[in-house]
């Protein structure tokens, strides 16, 4: 959610966040693939936010432009 809000604000779109569902880890003595999937999804989002800020710092992001409206 944070990454999508970051990109929407970059392009000047005022998005309103809405929670869809919570994801909770499962407790077990053995490693579970479900917990690995949740960790992978969380890391994907954190790395995406970090990459956005890094690209801005290096000047690699394209300039933000609002999409043109066709008539």
N, C-alpha and C. Protein backbone atom coordinates (compact mmCIF):
# COMPACT_ATOMS: atom_id res chain seq x y z
N UNK A 1 0.82 -1.18 0.00
CA UNK A 1 0.00 0.00 0.00
C UNK A 1 0.87 1.26 0.00
N UNK A 2 1.92 1.26 0.82
CA UNK A 2 2.78 2.44 0.90
C UNK A 2 3.47 2.72 -0.44
N UNK A 3 3.92 1.67 -1.11
CA UNK A 3 4.61 1.86 -2.39
C UNK A 3 3.66 2.40 -3.44
N UNK A 4 2.45 1.87 -3.50
CA UNK A 4 1.50 2.37 -4.49
C UNK A 4 1.11 3.82 -4.20
N UNK A 5 0.93 4.18 -2.94
CA UNK A 5 0.63 5.57 -2.60
C UNK A 5 1.79 6.48 -2.99
N UNK A 6 3.00 6.01 -2.82
CA UNK A 6 4.18 6.79 -3.19
C UNK A 6 4.19 7.07 -4.69
N UNK A 7 3.94 6.06 -5.49
CA UNK A 7 3.94 6.24 -6.95
C UNK A 7 2.74 7.08 -7.40
N UNK A 8 1.56 6.88 -6.82
CA UNK A 8 0.42 7.71 -7.18
C UNK A 8 0.70 9.17 -6.89
N UNK A 9 1.25 9.47 -5.72
CA UNK A 9 1.55 10.86 -5.37
C UNK A 9 2.61 11.45 -6.29
N UNK A 10 3.54 10.63 -6.76
CA UNK A 10 4.58 11.10 -7.68
C UNK A 10 3.96 11.61 -8.97
N UNK A 11 2.89 10.97 -9.42
CA UNK A 11 2.22 11.38 -10.64
C UNK A 11 1.04 12.31 -10.39
N UNK A 12 0.89 12.79 -9.17
CA UNK A 12 -0.11 13.79 -8.87
C UNK A 12 -1.51 13.24 -8.70
N UNK A 13 -1.64 11.97 -8.42
CA UNK A 13 -2.95 11.36 -8.22
C UNK A 13 -3.19 11.21 -6.72
N UNK A 14 -4.30 11.76 -6.26
CA UNK A 14 -4.64 11.69 -4.83
C UNK A 14 -5.39 10.38 -4.58
N UNK A 15 -4.67 9.34 -4.26
CA UNK A 15 -5.28 8.04 -4.00
C UNK A 15 -5.73 7.96 -2.54
N UNK A 16 -6.80 7.24 -2.31
CA UNK A 16 -7.29 7.06 -0.96
C UNK A 16 -7.07 5.59 -0.57
N UNK A 17 -6.23 5.32 0.44
CA UNK A 17 -5.94 3.93 0.79
C UNK A 17 -7.14 3.25 1.46
N UNK A 18 -7.30 1.98 1.12
CA UNK A 18 -8.36 1.18 1.74
C UNK A 18 -7.80 -0.21 2.02
N UNK A 19 -7.94 -0.66 3.24
CA UNK A 19 -7.43 -1.97 3.63
C UNK A 19 -8.31 -3.06 3.06
N UNK A 20 -7.69 -4.06 2.46
CA UNK A 20 -8.44 -5.17 1.91
C UNK A 20 -8.51 -6.33 2.89
N UNK A 21 -7.36 -6.69 3.48
CA UNK A 21 -7.33 -7.82 4.39
C UNK A 21 -6.01 -7.79 5.14
N UNK A 22 -5.99 -8.43 6.28
CA UNK A 22 -4.75 -8.59 7.03
C UNK A 22 -4.15 -9.95 6.70
N UNK A 23 -2.84 -10.00 6.69
CA UNK A 23 -2.13 -11.27 6.52
C UNK A 23 -1.37 -11.53 7.82
N UNK A 24 -1.63 -12.66 8.42
CA UNK A 24 -0.98 -13.00 9.69
C UNK A 24 -0.16 -14.26 9.51
N UNK A 25 0.97 -14.30 10.17
CA UNK A 25 1.82 -15.48 10.10
C UNK A 25 1.23 -16.60 10.95
N UNK A 26 1.60 -17.81 10.62
CA UNK A 26 1.15 -18.98 11.35
C UNK A 26 2.28 -19.48 12.23
N UNK A 27 1.96 -19.85 13.47
CA UNK A 27 2.97 -20.36 14.39
C UNK A 27 3.14 -21.86 14.18
N UNK A 28 4.40 -22.30 14.16
CA UNK A 28 4.68 -23.72 14.00
C UNK A 28 6.13 -23.97 14.41
N UNK A 29 6.40 -25.22 14.79
CA UNK A 29 7.78 -25.60 15.11
C UNK A 29 8.60 -25.78 13.85
N UNK A 30 7.95 -26.02 12.74
CA UNK A 30 8.63 -26.22 11.46
C UNK A 30 8.41 -25.00 10.57
N UNK A 31 9.36 -24.73 9.68
CA UNK A 31 9.18 -23.61 8.75
C UNK A 31 7.97 -23.88 7.83
N UNK A 32 7.19 -22.84 7.58
CA UNK A 32 6.02 -22.97 6.72
C UNK A 32 6.21 -22.16 5.45
N UNK A 33 5.79 -22.70 4.34
CA UNK A 33 5.92 -21.99 3.07
C UNK A 33 5.05 -20.73 3.05
N UNK A 34 3.94 -20.74 3.76
CA UNK A 34 3.07 -19.57 3.83
C UNK A 34 3.80 -18.38 4.45
N UNK A 35 4.54 -18.62 5.52
CA UNK A 35 5.31 -17.55 6.15
C UNK A 35 6.40 -17.03 5.23
N UNK A 36 7.01 -17.92 4.46
CA UNK A 36 8.03 -17.50 3.50
C UNK A 36 7.40 -16.61 2.43
N UNK A 37 6.21 -16.96 1.98
CA UNK A 37 5.52 -16.16 0.98
C UNK A 37 5.20 -14.76 1.52
N UNK A 38 4.78 -14.66 2.78
CA UNK A 38 4.50 -13.35 3.38
C UNK A 38 5.78 -12.52 3.51
N UNK A 39 6.87 -13.17 3.88
CA UNK A 39 8.15 -12.47 3.98
C UNK A 39 8.60 -11.97 2.62
N UNK A 40 8.43 -12.79 1.59
CA UNK A 40 8.80 -12.40 0.23
C UNK A 40 7.97 -11.20 -0.24
N UNK A 41 6.68 -11.21 0.04
CA UNK A 41 5.82 -10.10 -0.36
C UNK A 41 6.21 -8.81 0.36
N UNK A 42 6.51 -8.90 1.65
CA UNK A 42 6.91 -7.71 2.41
C UNK A 42 8.24 -7.17 1.91
N UNK A 43 9.21 -8.03 1.66
CA UNK A 43 10.51 -7.58 1.15
C UNK A 43 10.36 -6.94 -0.22
N UNK A 44 9.48 -7.49 -1.05
CA UNK A 44 9.25 -6.92 -2.38
C UNK A 44 8.78 -5.47 -2.26
N UNK A 45 7.88 -5.19 -1.33
CA UNK A 45 7.37 -3.84 -1.14
C UNK A 45 8.45 -2.91 -0.58
N UNK A 46 9.19 -3.37 0.44
CA UNK A 46 10.23 -2.52 1.02
C UNK A 46 11.33 -2.22 0.00
N UNK A 47 11.72 -3.18 -0.80
CA UNK A 47 12.74 -2.95 -1.82
C UNK A 47 12.22 -2.01 -2.90
N UNK A 48 10.94 -2.11 -3.23
CA UNK A 48 10.35 -1.19 -4.21
C UNK A 48 10.36 0.24 -3.73
N UNK A 49 10.06 0.47 -2.46
CA UNK A 49 10.12 1.82 -1.89
C UNK A 49 11.56 2.33 -1.88
N UNK A 50 12.48 1.48 -1.48
CA UNK A 50 13.89 1.86 -1.45
C UNK A 50 14.38 2.20 -2.86
N UNK A 51 13.98 1.40 -3.85
CA UNK A 51 14.40 1.64 -5.24
C UNK A 51 13.85 2.96 -5.76
N UNK A 52 12.61 3.29 -5.42
CA UNK A 52 12.04 4.57 -5.85
C UNK A 52 12.88 5.74 -5.33
N UNK A 53 13.22 5.70 -4.04
CA UNK A 53 14.01 6.79 -3.46
C UNK A 53 15.43 6.81 -4.03
N UNK A 54 16.01 5.64 -4.27
CA UNK A 54 17.34 5.59 -4.86
C UNK A 54 17.34 6.16 -6.26
N UNK A 55 16.36 5.79 -7.07
CA UNK A 55 16.28 6.32 -8.44
C UNK A 55 16.06 7.82 -8.44
N UNK A 56 15.27 8.33 -7.50
CA UNK A 56 15.11 9.79 -7.39
C UNK A 56 16.43 10.44 -7.03
N UNK A 57 17.16 9.85 -6.10
CA UNK A 57 18.45 10.40 -5.68
C UNK A 57 19.44 10.43 -6.84
N UNK A 58 19.44 9.37 -7.65
CA UNK A 58 20.37 9.29 -8.78
C UNK A 58 19.87 10.02 -10.02
N UNK A 59 18.62 10.50 -9.99
CA UNK A 59 18.06 11.21 -11.13
C UNK A 59 17.63 10.28 -12.25
N UNK A 60 17.33 9.02 -11.94
CA UNK A 60 16.97 8.06 -12.97
C UNK A 60 15.47 7.95 -13.20
N UNK A 61 14.64 8.49 -12.32
CA UNK A 61 13.19 8.47 -12.54
C UNK A 61 12.84 9.49 -13.60
N UNK A 62 11.93 9.13 -14.47
CA UNK A 62 11.44 10.09 -15.45
C UNK A 62 10.69 11.18 -14.72
N UNK A 63 10.59 12.35 -15.35
CA UNK A 63 9.85 13.42 -14.72
C UNK A 63 8.38 13.04 -14.66
N UNK A 64 7.74 13.42 -13.60
CA UNK A 64 6.33 13.06 -13.41
C UNK A 64 5.47 13.86 -14.38
N UNK A 65 4.64 13.15 -15.12
CA UNK A 65 3.69 13.81 -16.04
C UNK A 65 2.33 13.17 -15.83
N UNK A 66 1.33 14.00 -15.80
CA UNK A 66 -0.03 13.47 -15.73
C UNK A 66 -0.40 12.95 -17.11
N UNK A 67 -1.15 11.87 -17.17
CA UNK A 67 -1.55 11.36 -18.48
C UNK A 67 -2.45 12.34 -19.21
N UNK A 68 -2.28 12.44 -20.52
CA UNK A 68 -3.11 13.35 -21.30
C UNK A 68 -4.49 12.74 -21.50
N UNK A 69 -5.48 13.60 -21.59
CA UNK A 69 -6.86 13.17 -21.76
C UNK A 69 -7.21 13.24 -23.24
N UNK A 70 -7.65 12.13 -23.80
CA UNK A 70 -8.04 12.11 -25.21
C UNK A 70 -9.50 12.52 -25.34
N UNK A 71 -9.77 13.30 -26.38
CA UNK A 71 -11.15 13.70 -26.63
C UNK A 71 -11.56 13.34 -28.02
